Amino acid sequence: MEIRILGAHNCESRDTRLVSLLIDQTLAIDAGSLTSSLSIAEQQHLKAVLITHHHFDHIRDLATLGMNIYPGGTIELYALDSALSMVSSHLFTEEIYVDFRKRPSPERPTFKLCPLEPYKEVIIGGYAVLPLPVSHNVPAVGYQITSRDNKCIFFSGDTGRNPSSLWQALSPQLLIIEVTMPNRLEMVATSSGHLCPRLLKEELGEFRKIRGYLPPIVTVHMGPQFEGEIREEVERISGELEAEITLGYEGMKILL
């Protein structure tokens, strides 16, 4: 399994992009930077997109991806009903942009909307995909994705502290998890459903207590203006936990 981090931040600039992951060139998770990171040919190679929740920085490039695919094929778009509803009512409208749910025709749309249920595993493009609820300020899920050869990752999406039941459901070989703010903004992180390094340490401690191990960990969704602070604090908790924790970056490739 090849995991490519297209966007590793929560703000876009010349040097940073919004969160998106790409698995084996065909399965994308979140759409913050799909069209700004991939060539047209690479975009047309996509078979499905998973959305963790409906916040703009995770759905933005769905509109431009639709135009780049249109009218050549259909991409399956998977998400909770709440996220699909927001995409349908606010993004795929003829007033704002093309309604890719119906174009070029209702029988052959650019995007086929596929609702997901938490805790119900589905097979998507040969991958077993398990959506699990995570703590955020809107309905959100993380995804455990397992390949045919049993390579397994979990991507948290945007999340704050979670109940232990989340970690009981997982057994990934790689954990990709958000860390948005430094420790000095812990109250802001908590109130907005995000993690700082200290809260990440608590999450990882709970994971190890329940699962008996810690996989390699990659952090994403960092505020670019805080990245230096976050890096120092993550390096500190990596040493304290004796865990492999790496800050993700645009263009990063991980092979399992």
C-alpha atoms as a PDB file:
ATOM      1  CA  MET A   1       0.000   0.000   0.000  1.00  0.00           C
ATOM      2  CA  GLU A   2       1.333   3.437  -0.945  1.00  0.00           C
ATOM      3  CA  ILE A   3       0.006   6.398   1.037  1.00  0.00           C
ATOM      4  CA  ARG A   4       0.711   9.813  -0.384  1.00  0.00           C
ATOM      5  CA  ILE A   5       0.049  12.937   1.664  1.00  0.00           C
ATOM      6  CA  LEU A   6      -1.099  15.580  -0.783  1.00  0.00           C
ATOM      7  CA  GLY A   7      -1.957  18.197   1.831  1.00  0.00           C
ATOM      8  CA  ALA A   8      -0.798  18.194   5.464  1.00  0.00           C
ATOM      9  CA  HIS A   9      -2.106  21.517   6.783  1.00  0.00           C
ATOM     10  CA  ASN A  10      -5.310  23.312   7.698  1.00  0.00           C
ATOM     11  CA  CYS A  11      -4.405  26.527   5.866  1.00  0.00           C
ATOM     12  CA  GLU A  12      -3.303  26.997   2.280  1.00  0.00           C
ATOM     13  CA  SER A  13      -0.317  29.059   1.183  1.00  0.00           C
ATOM     14  CA  ARG A  14       2.419  28.921  -1.418  1.00  0.00           C
ATOM     15  CA  ASP A  15       4.069  26.139   0.583  1.00  0.00           C
ATOM     16  CA  THR A  16       1.172  24.392   2.334  1.00  0.00           C
ATOM     17  CA  ARG A  17      -1.970  22.619   1.177  1.00  0.00           C
ATOM     18  CA  LEU A  18      -5.238  21.527   2.725  1.00  0.00           C
ATOM     19  CA  VAL A  19      -5.587  17.940   3.924  1.00  0.00           C
ATOM     20  CA  SER A  20      -5.882  15.177   1.340  1.00  0.00           C
ATOM     21  CA  LEU A  21      -4.486  11.651   1.215  1.00  0.00           C
ATOM     22  CA  LEU A  22      -4.102   9.347  -1.778  1.00  0.00           C
ATOM     23  CA  ILE A  23      -3.876   5.561  -1.523  1.00  0.00           C
ATOM     24  CA  ASP A  24      -2.402   3.527  -4.391  1.00  0.00           C
ATOM     25  CA  GLN A  25      -3.297   6.271  -6.885  1.00  0.00           C
ATOM     26  CA  THR A  26      -7.005   5.342  -6.877  1.00  0.00           C
ATOM     27  CA  LEU A  27      -8.567   6.049  -3.462  1.00  0.00           C
ATOM     28  CA  ALA A  28      -8.564   9.568  -2.001  1.00  0.00           C
ATOM     29  CA  ILE A  29      -9.435  10.632   1.532  1.00  0.00           C
ATOM     30  CA  ASP A  30     -10.664  14.204   1.897  1.00  0.00           C
ATOM     31  CA  ALA A  31     -10.554  16.724  -0.908  1.00  0.00           C
ATOM     32  CA  GLY A  32      -8.726  19.745   0.407  1.00  0.00           C
ATOM     33  CA  SER A  33      -6.021  19.649  -2.269  1.00  0.00           C
ATOM     34  CA  LEU A  34      -6.846  16.985  -4.831  1.00  0.00           C
ATOM     35  CA  THR A  35      -6.790  19.217  -7.889  1.00  0.00           C
ATOM     36  CA  SER A  36      -3.959  21.464  -6.705  1.00  0.00           C
ATOM     37  CA  SER A  37      -1.724  18.421  -6.061  1.00  0.00           C
ATOM     38  CA  LEU A  38      -2.540  16.003  -8.889  1.00  0.00           C
ATOM     39  CA  SER A  39      -2.216  16.198 -12.655  1.00  0.00           C
ATOM     40  CA  ILE A  40      -5.342  15.851 -14.775  1.00  0.00           C
ATOM     41  CA  ALA A  41      -4.286  12.310 -15.674  1.00  0.00           C
ATOM     42  CA  GLU A  42      -3.843  11.420 -12.001  1.00  0.00           C
ATOM     43  CA  GLN A  43      -7.238  12.878 -11.158  1.00  0.00           C
ATOM     44  CA  GLN A  44      -8.874  10.852 -13.906  1.00  0.00           C
ATOM     45  CA  HIS A  45      -7.307   7.726 -12.382  1.00  0.00           C
ATOM     46  CA  LEU A  46      -9.280   8.157  -9.156  1.00  0.00           C
ATOM     47  CA  LYS A  47     -12.050   5.664  -8.499  1.00  0.00           C
ATOM     48  CA  ALA A  48     -13.446   6.887  -5.167  1.00  0.00           C
ATOM     49  CA  VAL A  49     -13.172   9.734  -2.654  1.00  0.00           C
ATOM     50  CA  LEU A  50     -13.875   9.353   1.069  1.00  0.00           C
ATOM     51  CA  ILE A  51     -14.896  12.467   3.001  1.00  0.00           C
ATOM     52  CA  THR A  52     -14.431  12.591   6.782  1.00  0.00           C
ATOM     53  CA  HIS A  53     -16.798  15.551   7.363  1.00  0.00           C
ATOM     54  CA  HIS A  54     -18.254  18.541   5.585  1.00  0.00           C
ATOM     55  CA  HIS A  55     -15.958  21.393   6.625  1.00  0.00           C
ATOM     56  CA  PHE A  56     -14.774  23.429   3.649  1.00  0.00           C
ATOM     57  CA  ASP A  57     -11.079  22.553   3.923  1.00  0.00           C
ATOM     58  CA  HIS A  58     -11.990  18.869   3.477  1.00  0.00           C
ATOM     59  CA  ILE A  59     -14.439  19.204   0.554  1.00  0.00           C
ATOM     60  CA  ARG A  60     -13.157  22.216  -1.378  1.00  0.00           C
ATOM     61  CA  ASP A  61     -11.634  20.466  -4.393  1.00  0.00           C
ATOM     62  CA  LEU A  62     -14.677  18.303  -5.072  1.00  0.00           C
ATOM     63  CA  ALA A  63     -16.032  21.032  -7.340  1.00  0.00           C
ATOM     64  CA  THR A  64     -12.846  21.436  -9.362  1.00  0.00           C
ATOM     65  CA  LEU A  65     -12.272  17.673  -9.426  1.00  0.00           C
ATOM     66  CA  GLY A  66     -15.742  17.259 -10.887  1.00  0.00           C
ATOM     67  CA  MET A  67     -14.952  19.673 -13.688  1.00  0.00           C
ATOM     68  CA  ASN A  68     -11.662  17.915 -14.446  1.00  0.00           C
ATOM     69  CA  ILE A  69     -13.371  14.523 -14.629  1.00  0.00           C
ATOM     70  CA  TYR A  70     -16.469  15.764 -16.477  1.00  0.00           C
ATOM     71  CA  PRO A  71     -17.748  14.352 -18.764  1.00  0.00           C
ATOM     72  CA  GLY A  72     -15.457  11.350 -18.982  1.00  0.00           C
ATOM     73  CA  GLY A  73     -16.391   9.095 -16.071  1.00  0.00           C
ATOM     74  CA  THR A  74     -17.921   8.597 -12.654  1.00  0.00           C
ATOM     75  CA  ILE A  75     -16.227   8.811  -9.243  1.00  0.00           C
ATOM     76  CA  GLU A  76     -17.879   7.351  -6.161  1.00  0.00           C
ATOM     77  CA  LEU A  77     -18.125   9.855  -3.301  1.00  0.00           C
ATOM     78  CA  TYR A  78     -18.460   8.270   0.158  1.00  0.00           C
ATOM     79  CA  ALA A  79     -19.375  10.100   3.353  1.00  0.00           C
ATOM     80  CA  LEU A  80     -21.899  10.323   6.157  1.00  0.00           C
ATOM     81  CA  ASP A  81     -25.390  11.412   5.115  1.00  0.00           C
ATOM     82  CA  SER A  82     -24.813  14.762   6.837  1.00  0.00           C
ATOM     83  CA  ALA A  83     -21.710  15.493   4.759  1.00  0.00           C
ATOM     84  CA  LEU A  84     -23.317  14.406   1.498  1.00  0.00           C
ATOM     85  CA  SER A  85     -26.303  16.604   2.281  1.00  0.00           C
ATOM     86  CA  MET A  86     -24.087  19.646   2.817  1.00  0.00           C
ATOM     87  CA  VAL A  87     -22.152  18.971  -0.389  1.00  0.00           C
ATOM     88  CA  SER A  88     -25.414  18.599  -2.302  1.00  0.00           C
ATOM     89  CA  SER A  89     -27.093  21.692  -0.904  1.00  0.00           C
ATOM     90  CA  HIS A  90     -24.124  24.076  -0.861  1.00  0.00           C
ATOM     91  CA  LEU A  91     -21.500  22.923  -3.365  1.00  0.00           C
ATOM     92  CA  PHE A  92     -23.183  20.947  -6.136  1.00  0.00           C
ATOM     93  CA  THR A  93     -25.764  23.558  -7.081  1.00  0.00           C
ATOM     94  CA  GLU A  94     -26.308  25.127 -10.457  1.00  0.00           C
ATOM     95  CA  GLU A  95     -26.160  28.535  -8.723  1.00  0.00           C
ATOM     96  CA  ILE A  96     -22.633  28.066  -7.342  1.00  0.00           C
ATOM     97  CA  TYR A  97     -21.206  25.562  -9.811  1.00  0.00           C
ATOM     98  CA  VAL A  98     -22.164  22.543 -11.865  1.00  0.00           C
ATOM     99  CA  ASP A  99     -24.410  19.962 -10.188  1.00  0.00           C
ATOM    100  CA  PHE A 100     -22.116  17.005 -10.733  1.00  0.00           C
ATOM    101  CA  ARG A 101     -24.699  14.654  -9.193  1.00  0.00           C
ATOM    102  CA  LYS A 102     -26.740  15.039 -12.395  1.00  0.00           C
ATOM    103  CA  ARG A 103     -24.230  16.015 -15.066  1.00  0.00           C
ATOM    104  CA  PRO A 104     -23.555  14.930 -17.717  1.00  0.00           C
ATOM    105  CA  SER A 105     -26.743  12.917 -17.051  1.00  0.00           C
ATOM    106  CA  PRO A 106     -28.591  11.507 -14.028  1.00  0.00           C
ATOM    107  CA  GLU A 107     -27.855   8.012 -15.365  1.00  0.00           C
ATOM    108  CA  ARG A 108     -24.115   8.710 -15.653  1.00  0.00           C
ATOM    109  CA  PRO A 109     -23.216  11.437 -13.152  1.00  0.00           C
ATOM    110  CA  THR A 110     -19.715  12.691 -12.501  1.00  0.00           C
ATOM    111  CA  PHE A 111     -20.144  11.922  -8.788  1.00  0.00           C
ATOM    112  CA  LYS A 112     -22.157   9.008  -7.462  1.00  0.00           C
ATOM    113  CA  LEU A 113     -23.057   9.816  -3.859  1.00  0.00           C
ATOM    114  CA  CYS A 114     -22.692   6.818  -1.531  1.00  0.00           C
ATOM    115  CA  PRO A 115     -23.800   7.243   2.113  1.00  0.00           C
ATOM    116  CA  LEU A 116     -21.864   5.443   4.812  1.00  0.00           C
ATOM    117  CA  GLU A 117     -22.962   4.198   8.221  1.00  0.00           C
ATOM    118  CA  PRO A 118     -20.590   4.342  11.199  1.00  0.00           C
ATOM    119  CA  TYR A 119     -19.215   0.941  12.259  1.00  0.00           C
ATOM    120  CA  LYS A 120     -20.420  -0.690   9.014  1.00  0.00           C
ATOM    121  CA  GLU A 121     -17.499  -1.915   6.901  1.00  0.00           C
ATOM    122  CA  VAL A 122     -17.819  -1.631   3.127  1.00  0.00           C
ATOM    123  CA  ILE A 123     -15.611  -2.781   0.248  1.00  0.00           C
ATOM    124  CA  ILE A 124     -14.501   0.098  -1.958  1.00  0.00           C
ATOM    125  CA  GLY A 125     -12.200  -0.619  -4.881  1.00  0.00           C
ATOM    126  CA  GLY A 126     -10.923  -3.762  -3.207  1.00  0.00           C
ATOM    127  CA  TYR A 127     -10.253  -2.054   0.158  1.00  0.00           C
ATOM    128  CA  ALA A 128     -12.160  -2.825   3.351  1.00  0.00           C
ATOM    129  CA  VAL A 129     -13.227   0.585   4.660  1.00  0.00           C
ATOM    130  CA  LEU A 130     -14.490   0.944   8.229  1.00  0.00           C
ATOM    131  CA  PRO A 131     -15.894   4.392   9.137  1.00  0.00           C
ATOM    132  CA  LEU A 132     -15.699   5.160  12.855  1.00  0.00           C
ATOM    133  CA  PRO A 133     -17.157   8.213  14.620  1.00  0.00           C
ATOM    134  CA  VAL A 134     -14.601  10.681  15.985  1.00  0.00           C
ATOM    135  CA  SER A 135     -15.039  13.661  18.284  1.00  0.00           C
ATOM    136  CA  HIS A 136     -15.352  16.921  16.347  1.00  0.00           C
ATOM    137  CA  ASN A 137     -17.720  19.887  16.350  1.00  0.00           C
ATOM    138  CA  VAL A 138     -19.719  18.502  13.403  1.00  0.00           C
ATOM    139  CA  PRO A 139     -20.529  14.855  12.618  1.00  0.00           C
ATOM    140  CA  ALA A 140     -17.258  13.252  11.515  1.00  0.00           C
ATOM    141  CA  VAL A 141     -15.646   9.877  10.972  1.00  0.00           C
ATOM    142  CA  GLY A 142     -12.163   8.507  10.681  1.00  0.00           C
ATOM    143  CA  TYR A 143     -11.413   5.643   8.309  1.00  0.00           C
ATOM    144  CA  GLN A 144      -9.640   2.347   8.883  1.00  0.00           C
ATOM    145  CA  ILE A 145      -8.601   1.081   5.461  1.00  0.00           C
ATOM    146  CA  THR A 146      -7.341  -2.449   4.873  1.00  0.00           C
ATOM    147  CA  SER A 147      -5.917  -3.667   1.572  1.00  0.00           C
ATOM    148  CA  ARG A 148      -6.274  -7.125   0.042  1.00  0.00           C
ATOM    149  CA  ASP A 149      -2.847  -8.060   1.415  1.00  0.00           C
ATOM    150  CA  ASN A 150      -3.875  -6.941   4.943  1.00  0.00           C
ATOM    151  CA  LYS A 151      -1.992  -3.654   5.054  1.00  0.00           C
ATOM    152  CA  CYS A 152      -3.979  -1.413   7.357  1.00  0.00           C
ATOM    153  CA  ILE A 153      -4.049   2.308   8.193  1.00  0.00           C
ATOM    154  CA  PHE A 154      -6.307   4.558  10.231  1.00  0.00           C
ATOM    155  CA  PHE A 155      -6.834   8.216   9.354  1.00  0.00           C
ATOM    156  CA  SER A 156      -8.554  10.182  12.098  1.00  0.00           C
ATOM    157  CA  GLY A 157      -9.740  13.149  10.062  1.00  0.00           C
ATOM    158  CA  ASP A 158     -10.363  16.148  12.326  1.00  0.00           C
ATOM    159  CA  THR A 159     -10.726  14.987  15.910  1.00  0.00           C
ATOM    160  CA  GLY A 160     -10.415  15.909  19.546  1.00  0.00           C
ATOM    161  CA  ARG A 161     -10.188  13.460  22.453  1.00  0.00           C
ATOM    162  CA  ASN A 162     -12.122  10.244  21.825  1.00  0.00           C
ATOM    163  CA  PRO A 163     -13.702   7.563  23.985  1.00  0.00           C
ATOM    164  CA  SER A 164     -11.689   4.369  24.406  1.00  0.00           C
ATOM    165  CA  SER A 165     -14.215   2.523  22.221  1.00  0.00           C
ATOM    166  CA  LEU A 166     -12.593   4.112  19.152  1.00  0.00           C
ATOM    167  CA  TRP A 167      -9.251   2.458  19.814  1.00  0.00           C
ATOM    168  CA  GLN A 168     -10.883  -0.849  20.709  1.00  0.00           C
ATOM    169  CA  ALA A 169     -12.179  -1.046  17.127  1.00  0.00           C
ATOM    170  CA  LEU A 170      -8.788  -0.496  15.474  1.00  0.00           C
ATOM    171  CA  SER A 171      -5.608  -2.418  14.716  1.00  0.00           C
ATOM    172  CA  PRO A 172      -3.699  -0.272  12.179  1.00  0.00           C
ATOM    173  CA  GLN A 173      -0.092  -0.603  11.066  1.00  0.00           C
ATOM    174  CA  LEU A 174       0.008   3.178  10.540  1.00  0.00           C
ATOM    175  CA  LEU A 175      -1.893   5.930  12.336  1.00  0.00           C
ATOM    176  CA  ILE A 176      -2.383   9.267  10.582  1.00  0.00           C
ATOM    177  CA  ILE A 177      -3.858  11.699  13.067  1.00  0.00           C
ATOM    178  CA  GLU A 178      -4.428  15.415  13.268  1.00  0.00           C
ATOM    179  CA  VAL A 179      -2.522  17.855  15.496  1.00  0.00           C
ATOM    180  CA  THR A 180      -3.800  21.332  14.700  1.00  0.00           C
ATOM    181  CA  MET A 181      -2.470  23.626  17.436  1.00  0.00           C
ATOM    182  CA  PRO A 182       0.411  23.903  19.922  1.00  0.00           C
ATOM    183  CA  ASN A 183      -0.069  23.195  23.610  1.00  0.00           C
ATOM    184  CA  ARG A 184      -0.497  26.877  24.546  1.00  0.00           C
ATOM    185  CA  LEU A 185      -3.766  26.851  22.564  1.00  0.00           C
ATOM    186  CA  GLU A 186      -5.118  23.690  24.170  1.00  0.00           C
ATOM    187  CA  MET A 187      -8.373  25.364  25.246  1.00  0.00           C
ATOM    188  CA  VAL A 188      -9.003  26.577  21.686  1.00  0.00           C
ATOM    189  CA  ALA A 189      -8.190  23.117  20.334  1.00  0.00           C
ATOM    190  CA  THR A 190     -10.539  21.439  22.796  1.00  0.00           C
ATOM    191  CA  SER A 191     -13.420  23.825  22.134  1.00  0.00           C
ATOM    192  CA  SER A 192     -13.120  23.359  18.358  1.00  0.00           C
ATOM    193  CA  GLY A 193     -12.708  19.575  18.369  1.00  0.00           C
ATOM    194  CA  HIS A 194      -8.975  19.387  17.612  1.00  0.00           C
ATOM    195  CA  LEU A 195      -5.777  18.048  19.167  1.00  0.00           C
ATOM    196  CA  CYS A 196      -2.585  19.639  20.412  1.00  0.00           C
ATOM    197  CA  PRO A 197       0.515  17.552  21.218  1.00  0.00           C
ATOM    198  CA  ARG A 198      -0.380  17.136  24.904  1.00  0.00           C
ATOM    199  CA  LEU A 199      -3.838  15.838  23.986  1.00  0.00           C
ATOM    200  CA  LEU A 200      -2.262  13.613  21.330  1.00  0.00           C
ATOM    201  CA  LYS A 201      -0.078  12.102  24.037  1.00  0.00           C
ATOM    202  CA  GLU A 202      -3.203  11.244  26.033  1.00  0.00           C
ATOM    203  CA  GLU A 203      -4.831   9.692  22.973  1.00  0.00           C
ATOM    204  CA  LEU A 204      -1.776   7.593  22.192  1.00  0.00           C
ATOM    205  CA  GLY A 205      -1.480   6.513  25.801  1.00  0.00           C
ATOM    206  CA  GLU A 206      -5.065   5.293  25.667  1.00  0.00           C
ATOM    207  CA  PHE A 207      -4.378   3.515  22.374  1.00  0.00           C
ATOM    208  CA  ARG A 208      -1.362   1.690  23.838  1.00  0.00           C
ATOM    209  CA  LYS A 209      -3.256   0.790  27.025  1.00  0.00           C
ATOM    210  CA  ILE A 210      -6.071  -0.806  25.001  1.00  0.00           C
ATOM    211  CA  ARG A 211      -4.205  -2.277  22.021  1.00  0.00           C
ATOM    212  CA  GLY A 212      -0.856  -3.081  23.644  1.00  0.00           C
ATOM    213  CA  TYR A 213       1.261  -1.320  21.008  1.00  0.00           C
ATOM    214  CA  LEU A 214       1.722   1.908  19.114  1.00  0.00           C
ATOM    215  CA  PRO A 215       2.129   1.872  15.322  1.00  0.00           C
ATOM    216  CA  PRO A 216       4.154   4.518  13.477  1.00  0.00           C
ATOM    217  CA  ILE A 217       2.288   7.829  13.671  1.00  0.00           C
ATOM    218  CA  VAL A 218       2.124  10.693  11.172  1.00  0.00           C
ATOM    219  CA  THR A 219       0.526  14.020  12.134  1.00  0.00           C
ATOM    220  CA  VAL A 220      -1.373  16.279   9.729  1.00  0.00           C
ATOM    221  CA  HIS A 221      -3.772  19.280   9.716  1.00  0.00           C
ATOM    222  CA  MET A 222      -1.204  21.553  11.362  1.00  0.00           C
ATOM    223  CA  GLY A 223      -1.607  25.309  11.365  1.00  0.00           C
ATOM    224  CA  PRO A 224       1.413  26.479   9.311  1.00  0.00           C
ATOM    225  CA  GLN A 225       1.980  29.422  11.653  1.00  0.00           C
ATOM    226  CA  PHE A 226       2.334  26.988  14.573  1.00  0.00           C
ATOM    227  CA  GLU A 227       4.388  24.281  12.886  1.00  0.00           C
ATOM    228  CA  GLY A 228       7.663  25.081  14.627  1.00  0.00           C
ATOM    229  CA  GLU A 229       6.037  24.888  18.065  1.00  0.00           C
ATOM    230  CA  ILE A 230       4.122  21.750  17.157  1.00  0.00           C
ATOM    231  CA  ARG A 231       7.293  20.081  15.876  1.00  0.00           C
ATOM    232  CA  GLU A 232       9.169  20.715  19.133  1.00  0.00           C
ATOM    233  CA  GLU A 233       6.262  19.491  21.253  1.00  0.00           C
ATOM    234  CA  VAL A 234       5.672  16.394  19.119  1.00  0.00           C
ATOM    235  CA  GLU A 235       9.366  15.492  19.288  1.00  0.00           C
ATOM    236  CA  ARG A 236       9.131  15.750  23.072  1.00  0.00           C
ATOM    237  CA  ILE A 237       6.134  13.409  23.377  1.00  0.00           C
ATOM    238  CA  SER A 238       7.719  11.033  20.861  1.00  0.00           C
ATOM    239  CA  GLY A 239      10.629  10.639  23.254  1.00  0.00           C
ATOM    240  CA  GLU A 240       8.406  10.360  26.314  1.00  0.00           C
ATOM    241  CA  LEU A 241       6.285   7.641  24.720  1.00  0.00           C
ATOM    242  CA  GLU A 242       9.228   6.004  22.920  1.00  0.00           C
ATOM    243  CA  ALA A 243       7.057   6.147  19.810  1.00  0.00           C
ATOM    244  CA  GLU A 244       7.757   6.922  16.153  1.00  0.00           C
ATOM    245  CA  ILE A 245       5.889  10.175  15.486  1.00  0.00           C
ATOM    246  CA  THR A 246       6.576  12.151  12.303  1.00  0.00           C
ATOM    247  CA  LEU A 247       5.084  15.423  11.106  1.00  0.00           C
ATOM    248  CA  GLY A 248       3.488  14.905   7.714  1.00  0.00           C
ATOM    249  CA  TYR A 249       4.334  17.145   4.784  1.00  0.00           C
ATOM    250  CA  GLU A 250       3.150  17.794   1.253  1.00  0.00           C
ATOM    251  CA  GLY A 251       4.407  15.076  -1.089  1.00  0.00           C
ATOM    252  CA  MET A 252       5.271  12.634   1.674  1.00  0.00           C
ATOM    253  CA  LYS A 253       5.076   8.976   0.566  1.00  0.00           C
ATOM    254  CA  ILE A 254       4.709   6.043   2.939  1.00  0.00           C
ATOM    255  CA  LEU A 255       4.906   2.404   1.866  1.00  0.00           C
ATOM    256  CA  LEU A 256       3.354  -0.414   3.879  1.00  0.00           C
END
